[in-house]
PDB file of all heavy atoms in Angstrom:
ATOM      1  N   ARG A   1       0.859  -1.281  -0.036  1.00  0.00           N
ATOM      2  CA  ARG A   1       0.030   0.012   0.070  1.00  0.00           C
ATOM      3  C   ARG A   1       0.824   1.254  -0.067  1.00  0.00           C
ATOM      4  O   ARG A   1       1.694   1.427   0.816  1.00  0.00           O
ATOM      5  CB  ARG A   1      -0.858   0.008   1.229  1.00  0.00           C
ATOM      6  CG  ARG A   1      -1.772  -1.160   1.229  1.00  0.00           C
ATOM      7  CD  ARG A   1      -3.007  -0.979   0.425  1.00  0.00           C
ATOM      8  NE  ARG A   1      -4.014  -2.002   0.533  1.00  0.00           N
ATOM      9  CZ  ARG A   1      -5.101  -2.156  -0.359  1.00  0.00           C
ATOM     10  NH1 ARG A   1      -5.147  -1.336  -1.415  1.00  0.00           N
ATOM     11  NH2 ARG A   1      -5.971  -3.076  -0.180  1.00  0.00           N
ATOM     12  N   TRP A   2       0.587   2.096  -0.913  1.00  0.00           N
ATOM     13  CA  TRP A   2       1.333   3.379  -1.045  1.00  0.00           C
ATOM     14  C   TRP A   2       1.124   4.238   0.219  1.00  0.00           C
ATOM     15  O   TRP A   2       2.205   4.905   0.621  1.00  0.00           O
ATOM     16  CB  TRP A   2       0.937   4.157  -2.338  1.00  0.00           C
ATOM     17  CG  TRP A   2       1.687   5.446  -2.476  1.00  0.00           C
ATOM     18  CD1 TRP A   2       1.321   6.668  -2.423  1.00  0.00           C
ATOM     19  CD2 TRP A   2       3.088   5.560  -3.071  1.00  0.00           C
ATOM     20  NE1 TRP A   2       2.303   7.670  -2.712  1.00  0.00           N
ATOM     21  CE2 TRP A   2       3.490   6.824  -3.302  1.00  0.00           C
ATOM     22  CE3 TRP A   2       3.993   4.516  -3.460  1.00  0.00           C
ATOM     23  CZ2 TRP A   2       4.705   7.168  -3.641  1.00  0.00           C
ATOM     24  CZ3 TRP A   2       5.279   4.967  -3.923  1.00  0.00           C
ATOM     25  CH2 TRP A   2       5.627   6.369  -3.949  1.00  0.00           C
ATOM     26  N   ASN A   3       0.027   4.132   0.822  1.00  0.00           N
ATOM     27  CA  ASN A   3      -0.313   5.072   1.890  1.00  0.00           C
ATOM     28  C   ASN A   3       0.399   4.593   3.184  1.00  0.00           C
ATOM     29  O   ASN A   3       0.335   5.131   4.246  1.00  0.00           O
ATOM     30  CB  ASN A   3      -1.691   5.249   2.209  1.00  0.00           C
ATOM     31  CG  ASN A   3      -2.619   3.904   2.455  1.00  0.00           C
ATOM     32  OD1 ASN A   3      -1.906   2.961   2.693  1.00  0.00           O
ATOM     33  ND2 ASN A   3      -3.842   4.046   2.489  1.00  0.00           N
ATOM     34  N   ARG A   4       0.989   3.355   3.126  1.00  0.00           N
ATOM     35  CA  ARG A   4       1.918   2.774   4.125  1.00  0.00           C
ATOM     36  C   ARG A   4       3.345   2.910   3.739  1.00  0.00           C
ATOM     37  O   ARG A   4       4.274   3.206   4.853  1.00  0.00           O
ATOM     38  CB  ARG A   4       1.558   1.411   4.394  1.00  0.00           C
ATOM     39  CG  ARG A   4       0.209   1.067   4.821  1.00  0.00           C
ATOM     40  CD  ARG A   4      -0.081  -0.386   5.162  1.00  0.00           C
ATOM     41  NE  ARG A   4      -1.575  -0.549   5.417  1.00  0.00           N
ATOM     42  CZ  ARG A   4      -2.095  -1.876   5.460  1.00  0.00           C
ATOM     43  NH1 ARG A   4      -1.275  -2.945   5.286  1.00  0.00           N
ATOM     44  NH2 ARG A   4      -3.292  -2.007   5.678  1.00  0.00           N
ATOM     45  N   LEU A   5       3.616   2.795   2.536  1.00  0.00           N
ATOM     46  CA  LEU A   5       5.046   3.005   2.213  1.00  0.00           C
ATOM     47  C   LEU A   5       5.558   4.468   2.328  1.00  0.00           C
ATOM     48  O   LEU A   5       6.680   4.611   2.872  1.00  0.00           O
ATOM     49  CB  LEU A   5       5.270   2.632   0.649  1.00  0.00           C
ATOM     50  CG  LEU A   5       5.091   1.109   0.318  1.00  0.00           C
ATOM     51  CD1 LEU A   5       5.206   0.976  -1.282  1.00  0.00           C
ATOM     52  CD2 LEU A   5       5.986   0.221   0.996  1.00  0.00           C
ATOM     53  N   LEU A   6       4.707   5.375   1.820  1.00  0.00           N
ATOM     54  CA  LEU A   6       5.196   6.832   1.902  1.00  0.00           C
ATOM     55  C   LEU A   6       5.492   7.325   3.348  1.00  0.00           C
ATOM     56  O   LEU A   6       6.517   7.936   3.420  1.00  0.00           O
ATOM     57  CB  LEU A   6       4.188   7.632   1.077  1.00  0.00           C
ATOM     58  CG  LEU A   6       4.663   9.089   0.999  1.00  0.00           C
ATOM     59  CD1 LEU A   6       5.943   9.229   0.062  1.00  0.00           C
ATOM     60  CD2 LEU A   6       3.542   9.894   0.155  1.00  0.00           C
ATOM     61  N   PRO A   7       4.566   7.125   4.383  1.00  0.00           N
ATOM     62  CA  PRO A   7       4.996   7.629   5.633  1.00  0.00           C
ATOM     63  C   PRO A   7       6.350   6.906   6.173  1.00  0.00           C
ATOM     64  O   PRO A   7       7.214   7.615   6.848  1.00  0.00           O
ATOM     65  CB  PRO A   7       3.812   7.188   6.510  1.00  0.00           C
ATOM     66  CG  PRO A   7       2.770   7.005   5.564  1.00  0.00           C
ATOM     67  CD  PRO A   7       3.398   6.587   4.331  1.00  0.00           C
ATOM     68  N   MET A   8       6.564   5.692   5.836  1.00  0.00           N
ATOM     69  CA  MET A   8       7.902   5.094   6.303  1.00  0.00           C
ATOM     70  C   MET A   8       9.092   5.669   5.533  1.00  0.00           C
ATOM     71  O   MET A   8      10.080   5.882   6.099  1.00  0.00           O
ATOM     72  CB  MET A   8       7.713   3.618   6.056  1.00  0.00           C
ATOM     73  CG  MET A   8       6.825   2.745   7.152  1.00  0.00           C
ATOM     74  SD  MET A   8       6.823   1.072   7.009  1.00  0.00           S
ATOM     75  CE  MET A   8       5.941   0.816   5.573  1.00  0.00           C
ATOM     76  N   ALA A   9       8.895   6.002   4.264  1.00  0.00           N
ATOM     77  CA  ALA A   9       9.954   6.693   3.564  1.00  0.00           C
ATOM     78  C   ALA A   9      10.223   7.965   4.013  1.00  0.00           C
ATOM     79  O   ALA A   9      11.335   8.492   4.170  1.00  0.00           O
ATOM     80  CB  ALA A   9       9.440   6.678   1.960  1.00  0.00           C
ATOM     81  N   THR A  10       9.147   8.668   4.540  1.00  0.00           N
ATOM     82  CA  THR A  10       9.370   9.919   5.077  1.00  0.00           C
ATOM     83  C   THR A  10      10.087   9.919   6.410  1.00  0.00           C
ATOM     84  O   THR A  10      10.978  10.745   6.799  1.00  0.00           O
ATOM     85  CB  THR A  10       7.941  10.709   5.315  1.00  0.00           C
ATOM     86  OG1 THR A  10       7.243  10.718   4.225  1.00  0.00           O
ATOM     87  CG2 THR A  10       8.175  12.027   5.899  1.00  0.00           C
ATOM     88  N   LYS A  11       9.773   8.954   7.207  1.00  0.00           N
ATOM     89  CA  LYS A  11      10.624   8.646   8.357  1.00  0.00           C
ATOM     90  C   LYS A  11      12.032   8.462   8.108  1.00  0.00           C
ATOM     91  O   LYS A  11      12.936   8.861   8.765  1.00  0.00           O
ATOM     92  CB  LYS A  11       9.995   7.591   9.236  1.00  0.00           C
ATOM     93  CG  LYS A  11       8.692   7.869   9.872  1.00  0.00           C
ATOM     94  CD  LYS A  11       8.149   6.731  10.575  1.00  0.00           C
ATOM     95  CE  LYS A  11       6.697   6.978  11.283  1.00  0.00           C
ATOM     96  NZ  LYS A  11       6.174   5.735  12.013  1.00  0.00           N
ATOM     97  N   ALA A  12      12.296   7.624   7.042  1.00  0.00           N
ATOM     98  CA  ALA A  12      13.673   7.219   6.675  1.00  0.00           C
ATOM     99  C   ALA A  12      14.302   8.662   6.191  1.00  0.00           C
ATOM    100  O   ALA A  12      15.552   8.736   6.389  1.00  0.00           O
ATOM    101  CB  ALA A  12      13.593   6.293   5.467  1.00  0.00           C
ATOM    102  N   GLY A  13      13.679   9.558   5.587  1.00  0.00           N
ATOM    103  CA  GLY A  13      14.217  10.746   5.201  1.00  0.00           C
ATOM    104  C   GLY A  13      14.722  11.634   6.308  1.00  0.00           C
ATOM    105  O   GLY A  13      15.699  12.261   6.276  1.00  0.00           O
ATOM    106  N   ALA A  14      14.184  11.360   7.497  1.00  0.00           N
ATOM    107  CA  ALA A  14      14.575  12.162   8.765  1.00  0.00           C
ATOM    108  C   ALA A  14      15.751  11.457   9.403  1.00  0.00           C
ATOM    109  O   ALA A  14      16.587  12.064  10.047  1.00  0.00           O
ATOM    110  CB  ALA A  14      13.414  12.303   9.665  1.00  0.00           C
ATOM    111  N   LEU A  15      15.749  10.119   9.294  1.00  0.00           N
ATOM    112  CA  LEU A  15      16.762   9.236  10.060  1.00  0.00           C
ATOM    113  C   LEU A  15      17.997   8.687   9.274  1.00  0.00           C
ATOM    114  O   LEU A  15      18.957   8.508   9.961  1.00  0.00           O
ATOM    115  CB  LEU A  15      16.008   8.065  10.698  1.00  0.00           C
ATOM    116  CG  LEU A  15      14.717   8.320  11.578  1.00  0.00           C
ATOM    117  CD1 LEU A  15      14.087   6.968  11.851  1.00  0.00           C
ATOM    118  CD2 LEU A  15      15.339   8.902  12.883  1.00  0.00           C
ATOM    119  N   VAL A  16      17.862   8.484   8.029  1.00  0.00           N
ATOM    120  CA  VAL A  16      18.793   7.895   7.261  1.00  0.00           C
ATOM    121  C   VAL A  16      19.415   8.911   6.241  1.00  0.00           C
ATOM    122  O   VAL A  16      18.673   9.449   5.319  1.00  0.00           O
ATOM    123  CB  VAL A  16      18.277   6.721   6.460  1.00  0.00           C
ATOM    124  CG1 VAL A  16      19.332   6.117   5.636  1.00  0.00           C
ATOM    125  CG2 VAL A  16      17.532   5.825   7.450  1.00  0.00           C
ATOM    126  N   PRO A  17      20.746   9.289   6.317  1.00  0.00           N
ATOM    127  CA  PRO A  17      21.328  10.085   5.455  1.00  0.00           C
ATOM    128  C   PRO A  17      21.637   9.488   4.093  1.00  0.00           C
ATOM    129  O   PRO A  17      21.722   8.309   4.059  1.00  0.00           O
ATOM    130  CB  PRO A  17      22.737  10.466   6.122  1.00  0.00           C
ATOM    131  CG  PRO A  17      23.010   9.237   6.905  1.00  0.00           C
ATOM    132  CD  PRO A  17      21.751   8.727   7.355  1.00  0.00           C
ATOM    133  N   VAL A  18      21.650  10.345   2.990  1.00  0.00           N
ATOM    134  CA  VAL A  18      21.996   9.965   1.741  1.00  0.00           C
ATOM    135  C   VAL A  18      23.450  10.228   1.578  1.00  0.00           C
ATOM    136  O   VAL A  18      23.884  11.399   1.695  1.00  0.00           O
ATOM    137  CB  VAL A  18      21.120  10.665   0.633  1.00  0.00           C
ATOM    138  CG1 VAL A  18      21.884  10.379  -0.825  1.00  0.00           C
ATOM    139  CG2 VAL A  18      19.724  10.145   0.752  1.00  0.00           C
ATOM    140  N   GLY A  19      24.238   9.343   1.093  1.00  0.00           N
ATOM    141  CA  GLY A  19      25.667   9.346   1.003  1.00  0.00           C
ATOM    142  C   GLY A  19      26.372   8.116   0.708  1.00  0.00           C
ATOM    143  O   GLY A  19      25.668   7.090   0.659  1.00  0.00           O
ATOM    144  N   ARG A  20      27.738   8.147   0.681  1.00  0.00           N
ATOM    145  CA  ARG A  20      28.439   6.813   0.474  1.00  0.00           C
ATOM    146  C   ARG A  20      28.081   5.896   1.606  1.00  0.00           C
ATOM    147  O   ARG A  20      27.918   6.197   2.836  1.00  0.00           O
ATOM    148  CB  ARG A  20      29.932   7.176   0.516  1.00  0.00           C
ATOM    149  CG  ARG A  20      30.315   8.047  -0.663  1.00  0.00           C
ATOM    150  CD  ARG A  20      29.750   7.390  -2.096  1.00  0.00           C
ATOM    151  NE  ARG A  20      30.209   8.174  -3.131  1.00  0.00           N
ATOM    152  CZ  ARG A  20      29.696   8.067  -4.326  1.00  0.00           C
ATOM    153  NH1 ARG A  20      28.643   7.382  -4.509  1.00  0.00           N
ATOM    154  NH2 ARG A  20      30.110   8.883  -5.391  1.00  0.00           N
ATOM    155  N   GLY A  21      27.965   4.699   1.174  1.00  0.00           N
ATOM    156  CA  GLY A  21      27.604   3.541   2.063  1.00  0.00           C
ATOM    157  C   GLY A  21      26.256   3.062   1.603  1.00  0.00           C
ATOM    158  O   GLY A  21      26.120   2.082   0.979  1.00  0.00           O
ATOM    159  N   GLY A  22      25.179   3.826   1.950  1.00  0.00           N
ATOM    160  CA  GLY A  22      23.820   3.511   1.449  1.00  0.00           C
ATOM    161  C   GLY A  22      23.608   3.793   0.005  1.00  0.00           C
ATOM    162  O   GLY A  22      22.786   3.241  -0.586  1.00  0.00           O
ATOM    163  N   GLU A  23      24.313   4.989  -0.319  1.00  0.00           N
ATOM    164  CA  GLU A  23      24.181   5.488  -1.658  1.00  0.00           C
ATOM    165  C   GLU A  23      22.895   6.014  -2.048  1.00  0.00           C
ATOM    166  O   GLU A  23      22.775   7.128  -2.493  1.00  0.00           O
ATOM    167  CB  GLU A  23      24.403   4.322  -2.701  1.00  0.00           C
ATOM    168  CG  GLU A  23      25.923   3.979  -2.989  1.00  0.00           C
ATOM    169  CD  GLU A  23      26.739   5.286  -3.583  1.00  0.00           C
ATOM    170  OE1 GLU A  23      26.535   5.516  -4.724  1.00  0.00           O
ATOM    171  OE2 GLU A  23      27.498   5.763  -2.695  1.00  0.00           O
ATOM    172  N   ARG A  24      21.758   5.316  -1.642  1.00  0.00           N
ATOM    173  CA  ARG A  24      20.432   5.820  -1.988  1.00  0.00           C
ATOM    174  C   ARG A  24      19.501   5.468  -0.899  1.00  0.00           C
ATOM    175  O   ARG A  24      19.587   4.501  -0.164  1.00  0.00           O
ATOM    176  CB  ARG A  24      19.834   4.965  -3.332  1.00  0.00           C
ATOM    177  CG  ARG A  24      20.646   5.260  -4.653  1.00  0.00           C
ATOM    178  CD  ARG A  24      20.368   6.579  -5.196  1.00  0.00           C
ATOM    179  NE  ARG A  24      21.004   6.810  -6.449  1.00  0.00           N
ATOM    180  CZ  ARG A  24      22.182   7.315  -6.707  1.00  0.00           C
ATOM    181  NH1 ARG A  24      22.885   7.705  -5.762  1.00  0.00           N
ATOM    182  NH2 ARG A  24      22.568   7.420  -7.966  1.00  0.00           N
ATOM    183  N   ARG A  25      18.458   6.374  -0.721  1.00  0.00           N
ATOM    184  CA  ARG A  25      17.416   6.018   0.325  1.00  0.00           C
ATOM    185  C   ARG A  25      16.396   5.350  -0.314  1.00  0.00           C
ATOM    186  O   ARG A  25      15.230   5.862  -0.665  1.00  0.00           O
ATOM    187  CB  ARG A  25      17.054   7.415   1.045  1.00  0.00           C
ATOM    188  CG  ARG A  25      16.271   7.200   2.300  1.00  0.00           C
ATOM    189  CD  ARG A  25      15.827   8.541   2.846  1.00  0.00           C
ATOM    190  NE  ARG A  25      16.783   9.440   3.406  1.00  0.00           N
ATOM    191  CZ  ARG A  25      17.194  10.491   2.807  1.00  0.00           C
ATOM    192  NH1 ARG A  25      16.579  10.923   1.588  1.00  0.00           N
ATOM    193  NH2 ARG A  25      18.177  11.212   3.220  1.00  0.00           N
TER     194      ARG A  25
END
């Protein structure tokens, strides 16, 4: 469900940096 995926992606945006290592969120 998109309405479940998007809020979790938003939380990841606050907690998980984009950069070397993970490369992509």
